[in-house]
Amino acid sequence: MNRFRAILEEHGGSLRKYELVWILGSDADEQQGTESIETITSLVAGVGGELSSTDVWGKRTLAYPIQKNTEGYYLQANFEIESAKAQEIERAIEADQSIIRHLLIRDEIKPVVVMEAAE
């Protein structure tokens, strides 16, 4: 049990790592993408989290139309927040009318197998 606690503390204690990918409508441009990243950054900071990275994937053709959009402006962010705060982030994203689709996933801590040498 102590080994698990050490691993949990090594990976941020009660903070969990999340990855968010979201799509803005086809009318979005670079400026709106930057504003959207700033909005997500303030949301994460507002719940006591830390943003570790963001990435702009740019405009891409959608596999199928979403809300009459055939193209979308893709953005991605990685951050750490308490798992209980993830629902607050999710609600705020769903309330944002410029975001036509999003996916928020939690990065799992991979189990560590410790092999003790036979003596």
Protein backbone atom coordinates (compact mmCIF):
# COMPACT_ATOMS: atom_id res chain seq x y z
CA MET A 1 0.00 0.00 0.00
CA ASN A 2 2.85 2.40 0.73
CA ARG A 3 4.21 1.89 -2.80
CA PHE A 4 0.81 2.90 -4.26
CA ARG A 5 0.72 6.03 -2.10
CA ALA A 6 4.23 6.98 -3.28
CA ILE A 7 3.20 6.53 -6.92
CA LEU A 8 0.04 8.62 -6.38
CA GLU A 9 2.04 11.44 -4.78
CA GLU A 10 4.62 11.24 -7.56
CA HIS A 11 1.84 11.80 -10.10
CA GLY A 12 0.32 14.81 -8.39
CA GLY A 13 -1.43 13.52 -5.27
CA SER A 14 -5.16 14.20 -5.56
CA LEU A 15 -4.78 15.95 -8.93
CA ARG A 16 -5.60 13.88 -11.99
CA LYS A 17 -4.33 14.42 -15.49
CA TYR A 18 -6.91 15.15 -18.18
CA GLU A 19 -6.85 15.68 -21.91
CA LEU A 20 -9.49 17.79 -23.62
CA VAL A 21 -10.08 17.93 -27.36
CA TRP A 22 -12.76 20.30 -28.62
CA ILE A 23 -14.06 21.47 -31.97
CA LEU A 24 -15.26 24.95 -32.87
CA GLY A 25 -17.64 25.51 -35.79
CA SER A 26 -16.47 25.93 -39.37
CA ASP A 27 -16.67 29.73 -39.15
CA ALA A 28 -13.96 29.79 -36.44
CA ASP A 29 -10.54 31.25 -37.20
CA GLU A 30 -7.20 31.52 -35.42
CA GLN A 31 -8.36 34.42 -33.24
CA GLN A 32 -11.44 32.54 -32.04
CA GLY A 33 -9.22 29.51 -31.37
CA THR A 34 -6.93 31.63 -29.21
CA GLU A 35 -9.92 33.05 -27.33
CA SER A 36 -11.28 29.55 -26.77
CA ILE A 37 -7.93 28.37 -25.37
CA GLU A 38 -7.92 31.39 -23.02
CA THR A 39 -11.44 30.47 -21.89
CA ILE A 40 -10.41 26.86 -21.15
CA THR A 41 -7.27 28.11 -19.37
CA SER A 42 -9.35 30.35 -17.10
CA LEU A 43 -11.83 27.50 -16.45
CA VAL A 44 -9.02 25.18 -15.35
CA ALA A 45 -7.42 27.89 -13.19
CA GLY A 46 -10.84 28.71 -11.74
CA VAL A 47 -11.21 25.20 -10.30
CA GLY A 48 -7.65 25.16 -8.94
CA GLY A 49 -6.04 23.21 -11.77
CA GLU A 50 -2.87 23.59 -13.75
CA LEU A 51 -2.73 23.74 -17.54
CA SER A 52 0.34 21.88 -18.82
CA SER A 53 0.01 22.29 -22.59
CA THR A 54 -2.25 23.37 -25.43
CA ASP A 55 -2.17 22.60 -29.13
CA VAL A 56 -3.99 24.01 -32.15
CA TRP A 57 -4.73 21.33 -34.73
CA GLY A 58 -6.41 23.81 -37.06
CA LYS A 59 -9.32 23.47 -39.45
CA ARG A 60 -10.17 19.95 -40.61
CA THR A 61 -12.96 18.28 -42.52
CA LEU A 62 -15.41 16.43 -40.27
CA ALA A 63 -16.24 12.78 -40.93
CA TYR A 64 -19.93 13.70 -40.74
CA PRO A 65 -21.81 16.99 -40.35
CA ILE A 66 -22.18 18.29 -36.80
CA GLN A 67 -24.82 21.02 -36.35
CA LYS A 68 -24.67 21.71 -40.12
CA ASN A 69 -20.85 22.12 -40.01
CA THR A 70 -18.75 20.11 -42.47
CA GLU A 71 -15.47 21.52 -41.13
CA GLY A 72 -14.29 22.22 -37.61
CA TYR A 73 -11.45 24.03 -35.87
CA TYR A 74 -9.74 21.51 -33.58
CA LEU A 75 -8.03 22.41 -30.29
CA GLN A 76 -6.44 20.31 -27.56
CA ALA A 77 -5.34 20.94 -23.95
CA ASN A 78 -3.71 18.89 -21.19
CA PHE A 79 -4.21 19.83 -17.56
CA GLU A 80 -4.38 18.57 -13.99
CA ILE A 81 -7.40 19.10 -11.75
CA GLU A 82 -9.12 17.34 -8.88
CA SER A 83 -11.39 14.61 -10.25
CA ALA A 84 -14.43 16.15 -8.52
CA LYS A 85 -13.91 19.37 -10.50
CA ALA A 86 -14.04 17.63 -13.91
CA GLN A 87 -17.85 17.88 -13.93
CA GLU A 88 -17.64 21.66 -13.52
CA ILE A 89 -15.33 21.88 -16.54
CA GLU A 90 -17.66 19.59 -18.52
CA ARG A 91 -20.73 21.74 -17.72
CA ALA A 92 -18.95 24.94 -18.71
CA ILE A 93 -17.86 23.41 -22.02
CA GLU A 94 -21.38 22.21 -22.78
CA ALA A 95 -22.71 25.72 -22.11
CA ASP A 96 -20.28 27.27 -24.62
CA GLN A 97 -22.25 27.66 -27.86
CA SER A 98 -19.11 27.96 -30.02
CA ILE A 99 -17.99 24.41 -29.14
CA ILE A 100 -19.79 21.91 -31.36
CA ARG A 101 -18.16 18.75 -29.95
CA HIS A 102 -15.70 17.89 -27.18
CA LEU A 103 -14.07 14.93 -25.51
CA LEU A 104 -12.63 15.04 -21.99
CA ILE A 105 -10.65 11.99 -20.92
CA ARG A 106 -8.65 11.20 -17.81
CA ASP A 107 -5.13 9.90 -18.21
CA GLU A 108 -4.84 6.78 -16.12
CA ILE A 109 -1.88 6.10 -13.88
CA LYS A 110 -0.39 2.95 -15.30
CA PRO A 111 -0.01 0.19 -12.71
CA VAL A 112 3.58 -0.48 -11.74
CA VAL A 113 4.63 -4.06 -11.20
CA VAL A 114 7.53 -4.31 -8.80
CA MET A 115 9.48 -7.51 -9.14
CA GLU A 116 11.56 -8.34 -6.09
CA ALA A 117 14.75 -10.23 -6.72
CA ALA A 118 14.77 -13.75 -5.31
CA GLU A 119 17.52 -14.15 -2.76
